[in-house]
Amino acid sequence: MKSQIAPGEAHLYKICVQVLSDFNKEDILDTYELSLDTRTTLVRDNRLLINGKRFCFTGFGKHEDTLIWGRGFDPACMIHDFHLMNRLVANSFRASHYPYADRHGIFVIHETPAEGLHLGLIAGVLGLGEPPTFAPELCNEKTQAAHEQAI
């Protein structure tokens, strides 16, 4: 495995799982293939090492919003964004919903799904009154489960 992470340099491994027939081992019933980018991470002497090499993040906070479609997934815009990041020598972005980052040699920094939790601060600044610390409609079991899974 090459120990370098650089924009545009994907080092993927292909895993192939096959389900074989009990009666005839040469009879393939199903096949599933998955591309993986295997990396090791280690912190030593306050430095982040990826695949044994020092790694410095140069990147962005990124969302799926586009000027054309607004909020939503657009594969053409995503590829365009990767090409722009490549030109800027970016090697990372903060998000959790970009399945093709590994194919472009981009490191994804996972984030918790906590978008919108700052709205209480904005309400206080605008004089709209302090929102309750807890209200079932604001923090229900589904929200809690999503945050627990991310953490």
N, C-alpha and C. Protein backbone atom coordinates (compact mmCIF):
# COMPACT_ATOMS: atom_id res chain seq x y z
N MET A 1 0.84 -1.19 0.00
CA MET A 1 0.00 0.00 0.00
C MET A 1 0.88 1.24 0.00
N LYS A 2 0.58 2.17 -0.85
CA LYS A 2 1.33 3.43 -0.93
C LYS A 2 0.98 4.30 0.27
N SER A 3 1.97 4.84 0.95
CA SER A 3 1.75 5.61 2.17
C SER A 3 1.65 7.10 1.91
N GLN A 4 0.91 7.50 0.94
CA GLN A 4 0.79 8.91 0.61
C GLN A 4 -0.67 9.22 0.34
N ILE A 5 -1.15 10.32 0.88
CA ILE A 5 -2.50 10.78 0.58
C ILE A 5 -2.35 12.11 -0.11
N ALA A 6 -2.85 12.19 -1.31
CA ALA A 6 -2.76 13.43 -2.07
C ALA A 6 -4.01 13.54 -2.92
N PRO A 7 -4.45 14.77 -3.17
CA PRO A 7 -5.63 14.94 -4.01
C PRO A 7 -5.43 14.27 -5.37
N GLY A 8 -6.45 13.58 -5.80
CA GLY A 8 -6.40 12.92 -7.10
C GLY A 8 -5.71 11.57 -7.08
N GLU A 9 -5.17 11.16 -5.95
CA GLU A 9 -4.48 9.87 -5.86
C GLU A 9 -5.29 8.93 -4.97
N ALA A 10 -6.13 8.15 -5.58
CA ALA A 10 -6.91 7.18 -4.82
C ALA A 10 -6.19 5.84 -4.86
N HIS A 11 -6.12 5.19 -3.74
CA HIS A 11 -5.49 3.88 -3.63
C HIS A 11 -6.54 2.92 -3.08
N LEU A 12 -7.34 2.37 -3.97
CA LEU A 12 -8.48 1.57 -3.57
C LEU A 12 -8.20 0.08 -3.70
N TYR A 13 -8.81 -0.67 -2.80
CA TYR A 13 -8.79 -2.11 -2.85
C TYR A 13 -10.20 -2.56 -3.17
N LYS A 14 -10.34 -3.58 -3.99
CA LYS A 14 -11.66 -4.09 -4.32
C LYS A 14 -11.88 -5.39 -3.54
N ILE A 15 -12.97 -5.43 -2.79
CA ILE A 15 -13.37 -6.63 -2.07
C ILE A 15 -14.54 -7.24 -2.82
N CYS A 16 -14.46 -8.53 -3.05
CA CYS A 16 -15.52 -9.24 -3.76
C CYS A 16 -15.99 -10.41 -2.89
N VAL A 17 -17.29 -10.43 -2.58
CA VAL A 17 -17.88 -11.51 -1.79
C VAL A 17 -18.84 -12.26 -2.70
N GLN A 18 -18.71 -13.58 -2.72
CA GLN A 18 -19.59 -14.39 -3.57
C GLN A 18 -20.32 -15.43 -2.72
N VAL A 19 -21.58 -15.64 -3.05
CA VAL A 19 -22.38 -16.69 -2.42
C VAL A 19 -22.42 -17.85 -3.40
N LEU A 20 -21.93 -19.01 -2.94
CA LEU A 20 -21.86 -20.19 -3.79
C LEU A 20 -22.97 -21.17 -3.43
N SER A 21 -23.37 -21.94 -4.39
CA SER A 21 -24.41 -22.95 -4.19
C SER A 21 -23.89 -24.07 -3.29
N ASP A 22 -24.77 -24.62 -2.44
CA ASP A 22 -24.40 -25.77 -1.61
C ASP A 22 -24.19 -27.02 -2.46
N PHE A 23 -24.86 -27.06 -3.59
CA PHE A 23 -24.82 -28.26 -4.42
C PHE A 23 -23.65 -28.26 -5.39
N ASN A 24 -23.33 -27.09 -5.93
CA ASN A 24 -22.25 -26.99 -6.91
C ASN A 24 -21.43 -25.75 -6.58
N LYS A 25 -20.24 -25.92 -6.05
CA LYS A 25 -19.42 -24.79 -5.59
C LYS A 25 -19.00 -23.87 -6.73
N GLU A 26 -19.12 -24.32 -7.97
CA GLU A 26 -18.79 -23.46 -9.11
C GLU A 26 -19.98 -22.60 -9.53
N ASP A 27 -21.15 -22.86 -8.95
CA ASP A 27 -22.36 -22.10 -9.27
C ASP A 27 -22.45 -20.89 -8.33
N ILE A 28 -22.21 -19.70 -8.88
CA ILE A 28 -22.24 -18.46 -8.09
C ILE A 28 -23.67 -17.93 -8.05
N LEU A 29 -24.24 -17.85 -6.85
CA LEU A 29 -25.62 -17.38 -6.69
C LEU A 29 -25.71 -15.86 -6.62
N ASP A 30 -24.71 -15.23 -6.02
CA ASP A 30 -24.74 -13.78 -5.88
C ASP A 30 -23.31 -13.27 -5.71
N THR A 31 -23.08 -12.03 -6.14
CA THR A 31 -21.77 -11.39 -6.02
C THR A 31 -21.97 -9.96 -5.54
N TYR A 32 -21.12 -9.55 -4.59
CA TYR A 32 -21.15 -8.16 -4.10
C TYR A 32 -19.73 -7.63 -4.12
N GLU A 33 -19.52 -6.48 -4.78
CA GLU A 33 -18.19 -5.87 -4.83
C GLU A 33 -18.23 -4.51 -4.15
N LEU A 34 -17.14 -4.18 -3.46
CA LEU A 34 -17.04 -2.91 -2.75
C LEU A 34 -15.61 -2.40 -2.86
N SER A 35 -15.47 -1.11 -3.18
CA SER A 35 -14.15 -0.48 -3.22
C SER A 35 -13.87 0.17 -1.87
N LEU A 36 -12.69 -0.09 -1.31
CA LEU A 36 -12.31 0.46 -0.02
C LEU A 36 -10.95 1.14 -0.11
N ASP A 37 -10.81 2.21 0.63
CA ASP A 37 -9.53 2.91 0.76
C ASP A 37 -9.04 2.65 2.18
N THR A 38 -8.10 1.74 2.34
CA THR A 38 -7.63 1.35 3.66
C THR A 38 -6.56 2.31 4.14
N ARG A 39 -6.77 2.85 5.34
CA ARG A 39 -5.81 3.79 5.93
C ARG A 39 -5.64 3.48 7.40
N THR A 40 -4.45 3.74 7.91
CA THR A 40 -4.23 3.66 9.35
C THR A 40 -4.07 5.08 9.87
N THR A 41 -4.59 5.33 11.06
CA THR A 41 -4.44 6.65 11.68
C THR A 41 -3.82 6.48 13.05
N LEU A 42 -2.93 7.41 13.39
CA LEU A 42 -2.22 7.37 14.65
C LEU A 42 -1.84 8.79 15.04
N VAL A 43 -1.95 9.10 16.33
CA VAL A 43 -1.46 10.38 16.84
C VAL A 43 -0.22 10.09 17.66
N ARG A 44 0.90 10.70 17.26
CA ARG A 44 2.17 10.52 17.96
C ARG A 44 2.85 11.88 18.07
N ASP A 45 3.24 12.24 19.30
CA ASP A 45 3.90 13.53 19.55
C ASP A 45 3.06 14.70 19.01
N ASN A 46 1.75 14.66 19.27
CA ASN A 46 0.82 15.71 18.84
C ASN A 46 0.78 15.88 17.32
N ARG A 47 1.10 14.84 16.59
CA ARG A 47 1.04 14.88 15.13
C ARG A 47 0.15 13.74 14.64
N LEU A 48 -0.66 14.05 13.65
CA LEU A 48 -1.52 13.03 13.05
C LEU A 48 -0.74 12.32 11.95
N LEU A 49 -0.70 11.00 12.03
CA LEU A 49 -0.04 10.18 11.00
C LEU A 49 -1.09 9.34 10.29
N ILE A 50 -1.11 9.44 8.99
CA ILE A 50 -2.00 8.61 8.16
C ILE A 50 -1.09 7.70 7.34
N ASN A 51 -1.31 6.40 7.46
CA ASN A 51 -0.45 5.41 6.80
C ASN A 51 1.02 5.66 7.12
N GLY A 52 1.29 6.09 8.36
CA GLY A 52 2.66 6.29 8.82
C GLY A 52 3.29 7.61 8.43
N LYS A 53 2.59 8.45 7.68
CA LYS A 53 3.14 9.74 7.23
C LYS A 53 2.38 10.88 7.90
N ARG A 54 3.12 11.96 8.22
CA ARG A 54 2.49 13.14 8.81
C ARG A 54 1.46 13.70 7.83
N PHE A 55 0.30 14.07 8.38
CA PHE A 55 -0.80 14.55 7.54
C PHE A 55 -1.25 15.92 8.03
N CYS A 56 -1.29 16.89 7.14
CA CYS A 56 -1.80 18.23 7.45
C CYS A 56 -3.06 18.44 6.62
N PHE A 57 -4.15 18.77 7.30
CA PHE A 57 -5.42 18.99 6.61
C PHE A 57 -5.39 20.30 5.84
N THR A 58 -5.74 20.26 4.58
CA THR A 58 -5.94 21.45 3.76
C THR A 58 -7.25 21.24 3.03
N GLY A 59 -8.31 21.86 3.52
CA GLY A 59 -9.59 21.58 2.90
C GLY A 59 -10.68 22.54 3.30
N PHE A 60 -11.91 22.04 3.26
CA PHE A 60 -13.09 22.87 3.39
C PHE A 60 -14.15 22.20 4.24
N GLY A 61 -15.13 23.00 4.69
CA GLY A 61 -16.40 22.48 5.16
C GLY A 61 -17.31 22.44 3.94
N LYS A 62 -17.96 21.32 3.69
CA LYS A 62 -18.67 21.16 2.42
C LYS A 62 -20.08 20.63 2.65
N HIS A 63 -21.01 21.14 1.87
CA HIS A 63 -22.39 20.65 1.89
C HIS A 63 -22.83 20.38 0.46
N GLU A 64 -23.96 19.73 0.31
CA GLU A 64 -24.45 19.35 -1.01
C GLU A 64 -25.26 20.45 -1.69
N ASP A 65 -25.27 21.65 -1.16
CA ASP A 65 -26.02 22.73 -1.80
C ASP A 65 -25.32 23.14 -3.09
N THR A 66 -26.11 23.42 -4.13
CA THR A 66 -25.56 23.90 -5.39
C THR A 66 -26.37 25.12 -5.85
N LEU A 67 -25.73 25.94 -6.65
CA LEU A 67 -26.43 27.11 -7.19
C LEU A 67 -27.56 26.69 -8.12
N ILE A 68 -27.40 25.56 -8.78
CA ILE A 68 -28.39 25.12 -9.76
C ILE A 68 -29.61 24.48 -9.09
N TRP A 69 -29.37 23.54 -8.16
CA TRP A 69 -30.45 22.73 -7.60
C TRP A 69 -30.80 23.08 -6.16
N GLY A 70 -30.01 23.90 -5.50
CA GLY A 70 -30.26 24.16 -4.09
C GLY A 70 -29.76 23.00 -3.26
N ARG A 71 -30.53 22.64 -2.23
CA ARG A 71 -30.10 21.56 -1.34
C ARG A 71 -30.51 20.22 -1.94
N GLY A 72 -29.54 19.40 -2.21
CA GLY A 72 -29.80 18.09 -2.78
C GLY A 72 -28.57 17.56 -3.49
N PHE A 73 -28.57 16.28 -3.76
CA PHE A 73 -27.43 15.61 -4.36
C PHE A 73 -27.45 15.77 -5.87
N ASP A 74 -26.32 16.16 -6.43
CA ASP A 74 -26.15 16.27 -7.88
C ASP A 74 -24.79 15.68 -8.22
N PRO A 75 -24.75 14.50 -8.84
CA PRO A 75 -23.46 13.85 -9.11
C PRO A 75 -22.52 14.67 -9.98
N ALA A 76 -23.05 15.41 -10.95
CA ALA A 76 -22.19 16.22 -11.81
C ALA A 76 -21.54 17.35 -11.02
N CYS A 77 -22.30 18.00 -10.14
CA CYS A 77 -21.73 19.07 -9.31
C CYS A 77 -20.72 18.51 -8.32
N MET A 78 -20.97 17.30 -7.80
CA MET A 78 -20.04 16.69 -6.86
C MET A 78 -18.69 16.44 -7.54
N ILE A 79 -18.72 15.89 -8.75
CA ILE A 79 -17.48 15.64 -9.48
C ILE A 79 -16.78 16.96 -9.79
N HIS A 80 -17.55 17.97 -10.17
CA HIS A 80 -16.99 19.30 -10.42
C HIS A 80 -16.30 19.84 -9.16
N ASP A 81 -16.95 19.67 -8.00
CA ASP A 81 -16.35 20.11 -6.73
C ASP A 81 -15.03 19.40 -6.46
N PHE A 82 -14.98 18.09 -6.72
CA PHE A 82 -13.74 17.34 -6.51
C PHE A 82 -12.63 17.86 -7.42
N HIS A 83 -12.97 18.19 -8.65
CA HIS A 83 -11.96 18.74 -9.56
C HIS A 83 -11.47 20.11 -9.08
N LEU A 84 -12.39 20.94 -8.56
CA LEU A 84 -11.98 22.23 -8.02
C LEU A 84 -11.07 22.05 -6.80
N MET A 85 -11.43 21.12 -5.91
CA MET A 85 -10.58 20.86 -4.73
C MET A 85 -9.22 20.34 -5.15
N ASN A 86 -9.19 19.53 -6.19
CA ASN A 86 -7.93 19.02 -6.71
C ASN A 86 -7.04 20.16 -7.19
N ARG A 87 -7.62 21.12 -7.90
CA ARG A 87 -6.85 22.27 -8.40
C ARG A 87 -6.32 23.13 -7.25
N LEU A 88 -7.06 23.16 -6.13
CA LEU A 88 -6.63 23.94 -4.96
C LEU A 88 -5.74 23.13 -4.02
N VAL A 89 -5.42 21.90 -4.39
CA VAL A 89 -4.60 20.98 -3.61
C VAL A 89 -5.22 20.73 -2.24
N ALA A 90 -6.53 20.65 -2.19
CA ALA A 90 -7.23 20.30 -0.95
C ALA A 90 -7.21 18.79 -0.79
N ASN A 91 -6.98 18.33 0.44
CA ASN A 91 -6.92 16.89 0.67
C ASN A 91 -8.01 16.41 1.62
N SER A 92 -8.92 17.30 2.02
CA SER A 92 -9.94 16.90 2.99
C SER A 92 -11.13 17.85 2.94
N PHE A 93 -12.25 17.36 3.45
CA PHE A 93 -13.38 18.23 3.73
C PHE A 93 -14.17 17.65 4.88
N ARG A 94 -14.92 18.52 5.55
CA ARG A 94 -15.69 18.13 6.72
C ARG A 94 -17.11 17.83 6.28
N ALA A 95 -17.49 16.58 6.37
CA ALA A 95 -18.83 16.13 6.03
C ALA A 95 -18.90 14.63 6.29
N SER A 96 -20.06 14.06 6.12
CA SER A 96 -20.16 12.62 6.34
C SER A 96 -20.96 11.92 5.26
N HIS A 97 -21.27 12.60 4.18
CA HIS A 97 -22.19 12.02 3.21
C HIS A 97 -21.65 12.11 1.78
N TYR A 98 -20.38 11.83 1.60
CA TYR A 98 -19.80 11.88 0.26
C TYR A 98 -19.15 10.54 -0.06
N PRO A 99 -19.90 9.63 -0.68
CA PRO A 99 -19.40 8.27 -0.88
C PRO A 99 -18.25 8.15 -1.88
N TYR A 100 -18.01 9.17 -2.71
CA TYR A 100 -17.00 9.03 -3.74
C TYR A 100 -15.69 9.73 -3.40
N ALA A 101 -15.56 10.24 -2.18
CA ALA A 101 -14.35 10.96 -1.79
C ALA A 101 -13.11 10.08 -1.91
N ASP A 102 -13.21 8.82 -1.45
CA ASP A 102 -12.04 7.94 -1.50
C ASP A 102 -11.57 7.72 -2.93
N ARG A 103 -12.47 7.74 -3.89
CA ARG A 103 -12.09 7.53 -5.29
C ARG A 103 -11.30 8.71 -5.86
N HIS A 104 -11.35 9.83 -5.16
CA HIS A 104 -10.62 11.02 -5.61
C HIS A 104 -9.44 11.35 -4.70
N GLY A 105 -9.12 10.45 -3.75
CA GLY A 105 -8.00 10.68 -2.85
C GLY A 105 -8.26 11.76 -1.82
N ILE A 106 -9.53 11.97 -1.45
CA ILE A 106 -9.91 13.01 -0.50
C ILE A 106 -10.22 12.37 0.85
N PHE A 107 -9.69 12.94 1.91
CA PHE A 107 -9.91 12.49 3.28
C PHE A 107 -11.18 13.16 3.80
N VAL A 108 -12.14 12.38 4.31
CA VAL A 108 -13.40 12.94 4.82
C VAL A 108 -13.34 12.98 6.34
N ILE A 109 -13.62 14.16 6.91
CA ILE A 109 -13.67 14.33 8.36
C ILE A 109 -15.12 14.16 8.77
N HIS A 110 -15.41 13.15 9.57
CA HIS A 110 -16.79 12.84 9.96
C HIS A 110 -17.35 13.93 10.86
N GLU A 111 -18.63 14.22 10.71
CA GLU A 111 -19.28 15.22 11.54
C GLU A 111 -20.53 14.63 12.15
N THR A 112 -20.94 15.19 13.29
CA THR A 112 -22.20 14.76 13.89
C THR A 112 -23.35 15.50 13.24
N PRO A 113 -24.52 14.88 13.16
CA PRO A 113 -25.66 15.54 12.53
C PRO A 113 -26.31 16.54 13.48
N ALA A 114 -25.60 17.61 13.78
CA ALA A 114 -26.08 18.59 14.75
C ALA A 114 -26.37 19.93 14.10
N GLU A 115 -26.69 19.93 12.82
CA GLU A 115 -26.98 21.18 12.13
C GLU A 115 -28.25 21.80 12.70
N GLY A 116 -28.20 23.09 12.95
CA GLY A 116 -29.37 23.81 13.45
C GLY A 116 -29.42 23.96 14.95
N LEU A 117 -28.46 23.38 15.69
CA LEU A 117 -28.49 23.49 17.14
C LEU A 117 -28.10 24.88 17.62
N HIS A 118 -27.59 25.72 16.75
CA HIS A 118 -27.20 27.09 17.10
C HIS A 118 -28.37 28.05 17.05
N LEU A 119 -29.55 27.59 16.70
CA LEU A 119 -30.69 28.48 16.52
C LEU A 119 -31.10 29.17 17.82
N GLY A 120 -30.86 28.52 18.97
CA GLY A 120 -31.17 29.15 20.26
C GLY A 120 -30.32 30.39 20.48
N LEU A 121 -29.06 30.34 20.07
CA LEU A 121 -28.17 31.50 20.19
C LEU A 121 -28.68 32.65 19.33
N ILE A 122 -29.09 32.34 18.13
CA ILE A 122 -29.61 33.38 17.23
C ILE A 122 -30.88 34.00 17.82
N ALA A 123 -31.76 33.17 18.38
CA ALA A 123 -33.00 33.68 18.98
C ALA A 123 -32.68 34.63 20.13
N GLY A 124 -31.66 34.29 20.93
CA GLY A 124 -31.26 35.17 22.03
C GLY A 124 -30.70 36.49 21.54
N VAL A 125 -29.89 36.45 20.50
CA VAL A 125 -29.29 37.67 19.95
C VAL A 125 -30.37 38.58 19.36
N LEU A 126 -31.36 37.98 18.73
CA LEU A 126 -32.42 38.76 18.09
C LEU A 126 -33.53 39.16 19.06
N GLY A 127 -33.39 38.76 20.34
CA GLY A 127 -34.39 39.13 21.33
C GLY A 127 -35.70 38.37 21.20
N LEU A 128 -35.64 37.17 20.67
CA LEU A 128 -36.85 36.38 20.49
C LEU A 128 -37.19 35.53 21.71
N GLY A 129 -36.44 35.70 22.76
CA GLY A 129 -36.67 34.91 23.97
C GLY A 129 -35.82 33.66 23.96
N GLU A 130 -35.47 33.24 25.15
CA GLU A 130 -34.61 32.07 25.28
C GLU A 130 -35.43 30.80 25.08
N PRO A 131 -35.02 29.93 24.17
CA PRO A 131 -35.77 28.69 23.96
C PRO A 131 -35.59 27.76 25.16
N PRO A 132 -36.51 26.85 25.37
CA PRO A 132 -36.37 25.93 26.51
C PRO A 132 -35.13 25.05 26.34
N THR A 133 -34.53 24.68 27.48
CA THR A 133 -33.37 23.80 27.44
C THR A 133 -33.75 22.42 26.93
N PHE A 134 -34.93 21.96 27.33
CA PHE A 134 -35.41 20.67 26.85
C PHE A 134 -36.88 20.77 26.50
N ALA A 135 -37.23 20.25 25.37
CA ALA A 135 -38.62 20.11 24.97
C ALA A 135 -38.70 18.85 24.12
N PRO A 136 -39.66 17.97 24.40
CA PRO A 136 -39.74 16.70 23.65
C PRO A 136 -39.74 16.89 22.14
N GLU A 137 -40.38 17.94 21.66
CA GLU A 137 -40.42 18.13 20.21
C GLU A 137 -39.08 18.57 19.64
N LEU A 138 -38.17 19.06 20.50
CA LEU A 138 -36.85 19.48 20.04
C LEU A 138 -35.81 18.37 20.16
N CYS A 139 -35.96 17.52 21.15
CA CYS A 139 -34.96 16.47 21.41
C CYS A 139 -35.68 15.18 21.74
N ASN A 140 -36.18 14.51 20.72
CA ASN A 140 -36.91 13.27 20.95
C ASN A 140 -35.96 12.07 20.82
N GLU A 141 -36.53 10.88 20.92
CA GLU A 141 -35.71 9.66 20.89
C GLU A 141 -34.97 9.49 19.56
N LYS A 142 -35.61 9.88 18.46
CA LYS A 142 -34.96 9.74 17.16
C LYS A 142 -33.72 10.63 17.07
N THR A 143 -33.85 11.87 17.56
CA THR A 143 -32.71 12.79 17.54
C THR A 143 -31.59 12.26 18.42
N GLN A 144 -31.95 11.81 19.63
CA GLN A 144 -30.96 11.26 20.55
C GLN A 144 -30.24 10.06 19.93
N ALA A 145 -30.99 9.17 19.32
CA ALA A 145 -30.39 7.97 18.72
C ALA A 145 -29.43 8.35 17.59
N ALA A 146 -29.79 9.34 16.79
CA ALA A 146 -28.91 9.78 15.69
C ALA A 146 -27.61 10.33 16.23
N HIS A 147 -27.68 11.13 17.30
CA HIS A 147 -26.47 11.70 17.88
C HIS A 147 -25.62 10.63 18.56
N GLU A 148 -26.26 9.69 19.25
CA GLU A 148 -25.51 8.60 19.90
C GLU A 148 -24.78 7.76 18.86
N GLN A 149 -25.43 7.49 17.74
CA GLN A 149 -24.79 6.70 16.69
C GLN A 149 -23.59 7.43 16.11
N ALA A 150 -23.71 8.75 15.92
CA ALA A 150 -22.62 9.53 15.34
C ALA A 150 -21.45 9.66 16.30
N ILE A 151 -21.75 9.76 17.59
CA ILE A 151 -20.69 9.95 18.58
C ILE A 151 -20.04 8.62 18.86
